[in-house]
Amino acid sequence: MGGRVHLHVRGQRPDIECRPEALTLALLMASVAVGAVAWRVWGK
């Protein structure tokens, strides 16, 4: 948890800029969702 709360660039996404672990968590959840869909489609 860094001290970077607000960056000087307002237009960019501050949530991803100050919390890189949020992007990693989003990618992890996306991969889990894709895996669950594939598991249901192929029935394995």
N, C-alpha and C. Protein backbone atom coordinates (compact mmCIF):
# COMPACT_ATOMS: atom_id res chain seq x y z
N MET A 1 0.85 -1.18 0.00
CA MET A 1 0.00 0.00 0.00
C MET A 1 0.89 1.23 0.00
N GLY A 2 1.12 1.78 -1.17
CA GLY A 2 2.02 2.92 -1.29
C GLY A 2 1.33 4.21 -0.92
N GLY A 3 2.10 5.28 -0.93
CA GLY A 3 1.56 6.57 -0.56
C GLY A 3 1.01 7.33 -1.76
N ARG A 4 1.07 6.70 -2.95
CA ARG A 4 0.58 7.37 -4.15
C ARG A 4 -0.94 7.25 -4.22
N VAL A 5 -1.62 8.30 -3.77
CA VAL A 5 -3.08 8.28 -3.77
C VAL A 5 -3.60 8.96 -5.02
N HIS A 6 -3.10 10.15 -5.31
CA HIS A 6 -3.53 10.89 -6.50
C HIS A 6 -2.31 11.25 -7.33
N LEU A 7 -2.29 10.79 -8.57
CA LEU A 7 -1.18 11.15 -9.45
C LEU A 7 -1.48 12.47 -10.13
N HIS A 8 -0.43 13.08 -10.71
CA HIS A 8 -0.61 14.36 -11.38
C HIS A 8 -1.42 14.19 -12.66
N VAL A 9 -1.51 12.99 -13.18
CA VAL A 9 -2.30 12.74 -14.38
C VAL A 9 -3.71 12.35 -13.96
N ARG A 10 -4.65 13.25 -14.16
CA ARG A 10 -6.02 13.01 -13.70
C ARG A 10 -6.79 12.13 -14.70
N GLY A 11 -6.45 12.21 -15.98
CA GLY A 11 -7.21 11.49 -17.00
C GLY A 11 -7.01 9.98 -16.94
N GLN A 12 -5.84 9.55 -16.49
CA GLN A 12 -5.58 8.11 -16.43
C GLN A 12 -6.31 7.49 -15.25
N ARG A 13 -6.36 6.17 -15.22
CA ARG A 13 -7.08 5.49 -14.14
C ARG A 13 -6.25 5.50 -12.87
N PRO A 14 -6.70 6.20 -11.82
CA PRO A 14 -5.92 6.27 -10.58
C PRO A 14 -5.93 4.96 -9.81
N ASP A 15 -6.98 4.13 -9.98
CA ASP A 15 -7.06 2.89 -9.23
C ASP A 15 -5.97 1.92 -9.68
N ILE A 16 -5.71 1.87 -11.00
CA ILE A 16 -4.67 0.98 -11.51
C ILE A 16 -3.30 1.60 -11.27
N GLU A 17 -3.24 2.94 -11.31
CA GLU A 17 -1.95 3.61 -11.13
C GLU A 17 -1.44 3.44 -9.71
N CYS A 18 -2.32 3.56 -8.71
CA CYS A 18 -1.83 3.47 -7.34
C CYS A 18 -1.89 2.05 -6.79
N ARG A 19 -2.67 1.17 -7.41
CA ARG A 19 -2.74 -0.20 -6.90
C ARG A 19 -2.49 -1.20 -8.03
N PRO A 20 -1.24 -1.51 -8.32
CA PRO A 20 -0.95 -2.47 -9.40
C PRO A 20 -1.45 -3.87 -9.07
N GLU A 21 -1.60 -4.19 -7.79
CA GLU A 21 -2.10 -5.52 -7.43
C GLU A 21 -3.56 -5.67 -7.84
N ALA A 22 -4.28 -4.55 -8.02
CA ALA A 22 -5.67 -4.63 -8.46
C ALA A 22 -5.73 -5.15 -9.89
N LEU A 23 -4.77 -4.75 -10.72
CA LEU A 23 -4.72 -5.23 -12.10
C LEU A 23 -4.40 -6.72 -12.11
N THR A 24 -3.48 -7.14 -11.25
CA THR A 24 -3.13 -8.57 -11.17
C THR A 24 -4.34 -9.38 -10.71
N LEU A 25 -5.08 -8.85 -9.74
CA LEU A 25 -6.27 -9.54 -9.25
C LEU A 25 -7.33 -9.63 -10.34
N ALA A 26 -7.47 -8.57 -11.13
CA ALA A 26 -8.45 -8.58 -12.22
C ALA A 26 -8.08 -9.63 -13.27
N LEU A 27 -6.79 -9.72 -13.58
CA LEU A 27 -6.34 -10.72 -14.56
C LEU A 27 -6.56 -12.13 -14.01
N LEU A 28 -6.31 -12.32 -12.72
CA LEU A 28 -6.50 -13.62 -12.10
C LEU A 28 -7.97 -14.02 -12.13
N MET A 29 -8.85 -13.09 -11.80
CA MET A 29 -10.29 -13.38 -11.81
C MET A 29 -10.77 -13.66 -13.23
N ALA A 30 -10.22 -12.95 -14.21
CA ALA A 30 -10.61 -13.17 -15.60
C ALA A 30 -10.18 -14.56 -16.06
N SER A 31 -8.97 -14.97 -15.68
CA SER A 31 -8.48 -16.30 -16.07
C SER A 31 -9.32 -17.39 -15.40
N VAL A 32 -9.71 -17.17 -14.15
CA VAL A 32 -10.55 -18.14 -13.44
C VAL A 32 -11.92 -18.24 -14.11
N ALA A 33 -12.47 -17.10 -14.52
CA ALA A 33 -13.78 -17.09 -15.18
C ALA A 33 -13.71 -17.83 -16.51
N VAL A 34 -12.66 -17.59 -17.28
CA VAL A 34 -12.48 -18.27 -18.57
C VAL A 34 -12.33 -19.76 -18.35
N GLY A 35 -11.57 -20.15 -17.32
CA GLY A 35 -11.37 -21.57 -17.01
C GLY A 35 -12.68 -22.23 -16.62
N ALA A 36 -13.52 -21.53 -15.85
CA ALA A 36 -14.80 -22.09 -15.42
C ALA A 36 -15.72 -22.28 -16.62
N VAL A 37 -15.74 -21.32 -17.53
CA VAL A 37 -16.59 -21.42 -18.72
C VAL A 37 -16.11 -22.58 -19.60
N ALA A 38 -14.79 -22.68 -19.78
CA ALA A 38 -14.24 -23.76 -20.60
C ALA A 38 -14.54 -25.12 -19.97
N TRP A 39 -14.48 -25.19 -18.63
CA TRP A 39 -14.75 -26.45 -17.93
C TRP A 39 -16.20 -26.87 -18.12
N ARG A 40 -17.12 -25.88 -18.13
CA ARG A 40 -18.54 -26.21 -18.32
C ARG A 40 -18.81 -26.59 -19.77
N VAL A 41 -18.14 -25.92 -20.71
CA VAL A 41 -18.41 -26.18 -22.13
C VAL A 41 -17.93 -27.57 -22.51
N TRP A 42 -16.70 -27.91 -22.12
CA TRP A 42 -16.15 -29.20 -22.51
C TRP A 42 -16.58 -30.33 -21.57
N GLY A 43 -17.15 -29.98 -20.43
CA GLY A 43 -17.68 -31.00 -19.53
C GLY A 43 -16.60 -31.86 -18.89
N LYS A 44 -15.41 -31.31 -18.72
CA LYS A 44 -14.33 -32.06 -18.07
C LYS A 44 -14.00 -31.42 -16.72
